Each structure stands twice: as C-alpha cells, then as structure tokens.
C-alpha cells in the first residue's frame, strides 16, 4: 500500500478521511479492546452493535424489547433491527469524520447494506482489519471476559485480570459477566460466526479492503500492529 502523505504529528489524519474502520473476527478475537484503542488514538467514536442493543434494552425501547430475548439465547438480531439502529447512529454529528465498528457487519447482506448507508452519509469505502486467532483460545477468552458496568472497560480473569477482583481499575465500578459470555451461548455465537460472518473475509479480500492482524499476540502488540497498518496505509476512497 502507498504511504500516507499527511503529517503524522496529527492524530486527526485518519478521522479526516471520513471512513468506517471495521474490525472483523470471531467472538473472543479482541475486537472490543482494539476498537476502544483505535477510537482513542484517532479520535473516532467506537460503535459496537452489541453495546447499542444493550443500551436499548436498558432503556426498554421498542427495539430493545425485540432484541432482548434473541441476545439472551445467543442468536443474531434480524438485519432490519440492526440496520435501523446503525443508520441512526452513524448519522449523528460525532460520526461525521469517521468511526470504528466492532462486531458489524456480520453477514454479506449487512456488508452490502452498510456500504449503501455509508454512501448515503457520504463516507468513503470501509477499511477492514481481520483479527486472526486460533479457535482453541476463543472459549478461554470469552468465558473469562468481564466488562466494566459503567465505562465498558474490558478485562479477562485469566489473562488480563483487574487489580481488585470484580472492580474496574479505571473507575472503580463493578465488573460484570455478561449472559452472552457463558459457554453454551458462546458455542452458538461461534457457530453463527462460521456460517454467516466468515464469508466476509473473502468479500473484503476481493475488494482489496482487508488487512490481517495477528490477534493471538498480547493486546499491546496487537494495538501496535494495527497502528502500523492504519498509519502506513492509504485507505481507498
């Protein structure tokens, strides 16, 4: 890929391009952690459809009421609900210079719809980071995951535990074990990924938008790899 000619002293270089950055990979690949770090580094909003749905469920919106039983069973939420929520979210002012998607799109149909939504909002092509990790590590990562109830900070009781059990290091809030991070639900999610989401790897590869990332490394090393890709890549418009 060609080198970027923009001034590297400005972390605003990528946001000014007005692109969606997508993290693609199975549950447990570290998409949430890396999306937060990318968003902070490049001053972009971090968009997680899972977090959006949980917010709707907490607020008991009509969308949340429809999504709640599906999420509790580990099933994918229908596209009409997902796309309605996504289109509404990226139309908000904080997304005008770009955004980081975590966990979306999940299907070829969603990828096509996202492209149309981005065109409608006058965004350029997406840039896709494929988080590659061996299946044997996924269950350990997911069952050990704990989420900060207030700030959404992510921990793992096996590999990246908090200093105090059950308490977020950053804001002192309670860490929760989400219902969809239990072994039975995880098995359903991994199966859904293999059937519906993995074809996106080929889809984005053919479109020359995909860059692989070794997601089995330590989190800081993964972040450094992603930064090298984004800082040193010309994202196609």
Protein backbone atom coordinates (compact mmCIF):
# COMPACT_ATOMS: atom_id res chain seq x y z
CA UNK A 1 0.00 0.00 0.00
CA UNK A 2 1.13 3.51 -0.69
CA UNK A 3 2.38 5.66 2.16
CA UNK A 4 0.21 8.39 3.56
CA UNK A 5 1.49 11.87 2.81
CA UNK A 6 -0.39 13.53 5.66
CA UNK A 7 1.53 14.95 8.65
CA UNK A 8 1.97 12.08 11.13
CA UNK A 9 2.16 14.53 14.02
CA UNK A 10 -1.60 14.93 13.75
CA UNK A 11 -3.69 12.01 15.00
CA UNK A 12 -6.55 13.58 13.07
CA UNK A 13 -5.19 12.27 9.75
CA UNK A 14 -7.38 9.17 9.60
CA UNK A 15 -10.56 10.77 11.02
CA UNK A 16 -10.41 13.48 8.37
CA UNK A 17 -10.69 10.84 5.64
CA UNK A 18 -14.27 10.10 6.70
CA UNK A 19 -14.06 6.29 6.61
CA UNK A 20 -15.54 3.43 8.59
CA UNK A 21 -12.90 1.19 10.17
CA UNK A 22 -14.22 -2.35 10.67
CA UNK A 23 -12.77 -5.00 12.98
CA UNK A 24 -13.66 -8.42 11.63
CA UNK A 25 -13.12 -11.66 13.52
CA UNK A 26 -14.78 -14.31 15.71
CA UNK A 27 -16.06 -13.69 19.24
CA UNK A 28 -13.03 -13.55 21.54
CA UNK A 29 -10.62 -12.16 18.96
CA UNK A 30 -10.22 -8.92 20.93
CA UNK A 31 -12.28 -6.67 18.68
CA UNK A 32 -13.78 -4.72 21.59
CA UNK A 33 -10.45 -3.96 23.23
CA UNK A 34 -8.78 -2.92 19.99
CA UNK A 35 -11.76 -0.88 18.81
CA UNK A 36 -11.58 1.18 22.01
CA UNK A 37 -7.88 1.80 21.47
CA UNK A 38 -8.27 2.71 17.80
CA UNK A 39 -11.10 5.09 18.66
CA UNK A 40 -8.99 6.82 21.30
CA UNK A 41 -5.87 7.04 19.14
CA UNK A 42 -7.62 8.52 16.10
CA UNK A 43 -10.36 10.46 17.90
CA UNK A 44 -13.15 8.37 16.39
CA UNK A 45 -16.34 7.08 18.03
CA UNK A 46 -16.33 3.37 18.86
CA UNK A 47 -19.54 1.75 17.64
CA UNK A 48 -20.49 -1.68 18.97
CA UNK A 49 -23.87 -3.02 17.90
CA UNK A 50 -23.88 -5.22 20.99
CA UNK A 51 -23.41 -2.19 23.26
CA UNK A 52 -26.05 -0.28 21.31
CA UNK A 53 -28.56 -3.08 21.77
CA UNK A 54 -27.76 -3.41 25.45
CA UNK A 55 -28.37 0.33 25.79
CA UNK A 56 -31.75 -0.05 24.08
CA UNK A 57 -32.58 -2.99 26.36
CA UNK A 58 -31.63 -0.98 29.44
CA UNK A 59 -33.81 1.92 28.29
CA UNK A 60 -36.61 -0.52 27.37
CA UNK A 61 -37.10 0.92 23.90
CA UNK A 62 -39.23 -0.96 21.40
CA UNK A 63 -36.08 -2.07 19.60
CA UNK A 64 -34.59 -3.27 22.89
CA UNK A 65 -37.70 -5.30 23.72
CA UNK A 66 -37.47 -7.09 20.37
CA UNK A 67 -33.73 -7.74 20.65
CA UNK A 68 -33.51 -8.88 24.29
CA UNK A 69 -34.79 -12.49 24.01
CA UNK A 70 -32.68 -13.09 20.89
CA UNK A 71 -29.48 -11.86 22.55
CA UNK A 72 -30.14 -13.90 25.68
CA UNK A 73 -30.31 -17.04 23.51
CA UNK A 74 -27.14 -16.06 21.64
CA UNK A 75 -28.99 -15.61 18.36
CA UNK A 76 -28.23 -12.90 15.81
CA UNK A 77 -30.62 -9.97 15.78
CA UNK A 78 -32.51 -9.58 12.46
CA UNK A 79 -31.00 -7.23 9.91
CA UNK A 80 -33.91 -4.82 9.91
CA UNK A 81 -33.31 -4.01 13.59
CA UNK A 82 -29.54 -3.84 13.26
CA UNK A 83 -29.51 -1.65 10.17
CA UNK A 84 -32.11 0.75 11.52
CA UNK A 85 -30.01 1.25 14.62
CA UNK A 86 -26.74 1.57 12.69
CA UNK A 87 -28.09 4.09 10.20
CA UNK A 88 -29.49 6.22 13.01
CA UNK A 89 -26.20 6.09 14.92
CA UNK A 90 -23.77 7.00 12.13
CA UNK A 91 -25.95 9.93 11.12
CA UNK A 92 -25.11 11.60 14.44
CA UNK A 93 -22.62 14.50 14.41
CA UNK A 94 -19.81 12.69 16.25
CA UNK A 95 -19.51 10.21 13.34
CA UNK A 96 -19.06 12.79 10.60
CA UNK A 97 -15.26 12.30 10.43
CA UNK A 98 -15.29 8.51 10.65
CA UNK A 99 -15.96 5.74 13.16
CA UNK A 100 -14.80 2.31 14.32
CA UNK A 101 -17.21 -0.62 14.02
CA UNK A 102 -16.90 -3.53 16.44
CA UNK A 103 -18.95 -6.61 15.53
CA UNK A 104 -20.63 -5.23 12.43
CA UNK A 105 -21.24 -6.21 9.67
CA UNK A 106 -21.80 -9.90 10.40
CA UNK A 107 -23.23 -11.08 7.09
CA UNK A 108 -22.73 -10.41 3.39
CA UNK A 109 -26.15 -8.78 3.27
CA UNK A 110 -25.22 -6.43 6.10
CA UNK A 111 -21.95 -5.56 4.35
CA UNK A 112 -23.84 -4.51 1.25
CA UNK A 113 -26.35 -2.53 3.27
CA UNK A 114 -23.57 -0.84 5.24
CA UNK A 115 -21.93 0.22 2.01
CA UNK A 116 -25.18 1.81 0.86
CA UNK A 117 -25.67 3.55 4.21
CA UNK A 118 -22.12 4.92 4.10
CA UNK A 119 -22.64 6.18 0.57
CA UNK A 120 -25.85 7.87 1.69
CA UNK A 121 -23.95 9.55 4.51
CA UNK A 122 -21.13 10.42 2.05
CA UNK A 123 -18.47 8.23 3.64
CA UNK A 124 -15.76 6.58 1.58
CA UNK A 125 -15.03 2.86 1.40
CA UNK A 126 -14.50 0.93 4.60
CA UNK A 127 -11.12 -0.27 5.85
CA UNK A 128 -11.25 -3.77 7.35
CA UNK A 129 -8.90 -5.27 9.96
CA UNK A 130 -9.19 -9.08 10.13
CA UNK A 131 -8.42 -10.27 13.66
CA UNK A 132 -6.91 -13.77 13.24
CA UNK A 133 -6.90 -16.10 16.26
CA UNK A 134 -6.89 -19.88 16.73
CA UNK A 135 -10.25 -21.38 17.85
CA UNK A 136 -8.68 -23.07 20.90
CA UNK A 137 -8.08 -19.68 22.52
CA UNK A 138 -11.53 -18.28 21.95
CA UNK A 139 -13.50 -20.09 24.66
CA UNK A 140 -10.95 -19.17 27.35
CA UNK A 141 -11.02 -15.54 26.33
CA UNK A 142 -14.79 -15.32 26.24
CA UNK A 143 -15.69 -17.19 29.42
CA UNK A 144 -13.06 -15.16 31.30
CA UNK A 145 -14.22 -11.80 29.99
CA UNK A 146 -15.53 -9.20 32.43
CA UNK A 147 -16.93 -5.79 31.43
CA UNK A 148 -16.95 -2.58 33.46
CA UNK A 149 -20.59 -1.80 34.22
CA UNK A 150 -20.04 1.96 33.92
CA UNK A 151 -17.33 2.58 31.34
CA UNK A 152 -17.28 -0.63 29.30
CA UNK A 153 -13.60 -1.33 30.02
CA UNK A 154 -12.71 -4.96 29.23
CA UNK A 155 -10.81 -7.43 31.42
CA UNK A 156 -10.13 -11.17 31.46
CA UNK A 157 -9.86 -13.07 34.73
CA UNK A 158 -7.30 -15.45 33.21
CA UNK A 159 -5.09 -13.26 31.04
CA UNK A 160 -5.78 -9.63 31.97
CA UNK A 161 -7.37 -9.51 35.44
CA UNK A 162 -8.19 -6.32 37.34
CA UNK A 163 -6.05 -5.36 40.33
CA UNK A 164 -9.04 -5.95 42.61
CA UNK A 165 -11.36 -8.83 41.86
CA UNK A 166 -14.64 -7.65 40.36
CA UNK A 167 -13.64 -3.97 40.33
CA UNK A 168 -12.61 -1.83 37.35
CA UNK A 169 -9.09 -0.39 37.68
CA UNK A 170 -10.05 2.82 35.89
CA UNK A 171 -13.24 3.96 37.59
CA UNK A 172 -13.89 1.58 40.48
CA UNK A 173 -17.15 0.31 39.01
CA UNK A 174 -18.41 -3.27 39.21
CA UNK A 175 -17.22 -5.75 36.59
CA UNK A 176 -19.97 -7.93 35.17
CA UNK A 177 -20.02 -11.33 33.47
CA UNK A 178 -22.44 -10.86 30.59
CA UNK A 179 -25.12 -13.52 30.00
CA UNK A 180 -23.88 -13.95 26.42
CA UNK A 181 -20.36 -14.82 27.66
CA UNK A 182 -21.39 -18.20 29.10
CA UNK A 183 -20.17 -21.41 27.48
CA UNK A 184 -23.48 -22.51 25.97
CA UNK A 185 -24.21 -19.14 24.41
CA UNK A 186 -20.62 -18.81 23.20
CA UNK A 187 -20.87 -22.10 21.30
CA UNK A 188 -23.92 -20.76 19.48
CA UNK A 189 -22.12 -17.50 18.68
CA UNK A 190 -19.07 -19.28 17.28
CA UNK A 191 -21.26 -21.46 15.10
CA UNK A 192 -23.12 -18.40 13.84
CA UNK A 193 -19.81 -16.73 13.02
CA UNK A 194 -18.56 -19.65 10.96
CA UNK A 195 -21.79 -19.89 8.98
CA UNK A 196 -22.66 -16.25 8.44
CA UNK A 197 -19.67 -13.99 9.10
CA UNK A 198 -16.55 -15.79 7.86
CA UNK A 199 -17.57 -15.27 4.19
CA UNK A 200 -16.92 -11.57 4.79
CA UNK A 201 -13.19 -12.34 4.84
CA UNK A 202 -13.35 -13.35 1.18
CA UNK A 203 -15.75 -10.50 0.37
CA UNK A 204 -13.41 -7.81 1.68
CA UNK A 205 -10.29 -9.57 0.37
CA UNK A 206 -11.65 -9.48 -3.17
CA UNK A 207 -12.43 -5.80 -2.72
CA UNK A 208 -8.85 -5.19 -1.51
CA UNK A 209 -10.05 -3.65 1.73
CA UNK A 210 -8.84 -6.30 4.21
CA UNK A 211 -5.63 -6.35 6.26
CA UNK A 212 -4.90 -9.39 8.51
CA UNK A 213 -3.85 -8.81 12.14
CA UNK A 214 -2.28 -11.44 14.43
CA UNK A 215 -4.80 -11.28 17.30
CA UNK A 216 -3.09 -14.06 19.31
CA UNK A 217 -0.36 -11.65 20.47
CA UNK A 218 -0.54 -9.59 23.65
CA UNK A 219 -3.07 -6.75 23.48
CA UNK A 220 -0.40 -4.02 23.34
CA UNK A 221 1.39 -5.80 20.49
CA UNK A 222 -1.88 -6.14 18.58
CA UNK A 223 -2.53 -2.43 19.07
CA UNK A 224 0.94 -1.59 17.74
CA UNK A 225 0.36 -3.77 14.66
CA UNK A 226 -2.94 -2.07 13.95
CA UNK A 227 -1.38 1.38 14.36
CA UNK A 228 1.31 0.48 11.83
CA UNK A 229 -1.34 -0.64 9.36
CA UNK A 230 -3.52 2.44 9.76
CA UNK A 231 -0.65 4.94 9.93
CA UNK A 232 1.09 3.44 6.94
CA UNK A 233 -1.83 2.67 4.65
CA UNK A 234 -3.63 4.72 2.06
CA UNK A 235 -7.27 3.98 2.75
CA UNK A 236 -9.08 3.87 -0.60
CA UNK A 237 -11.87 6.39 -1.10
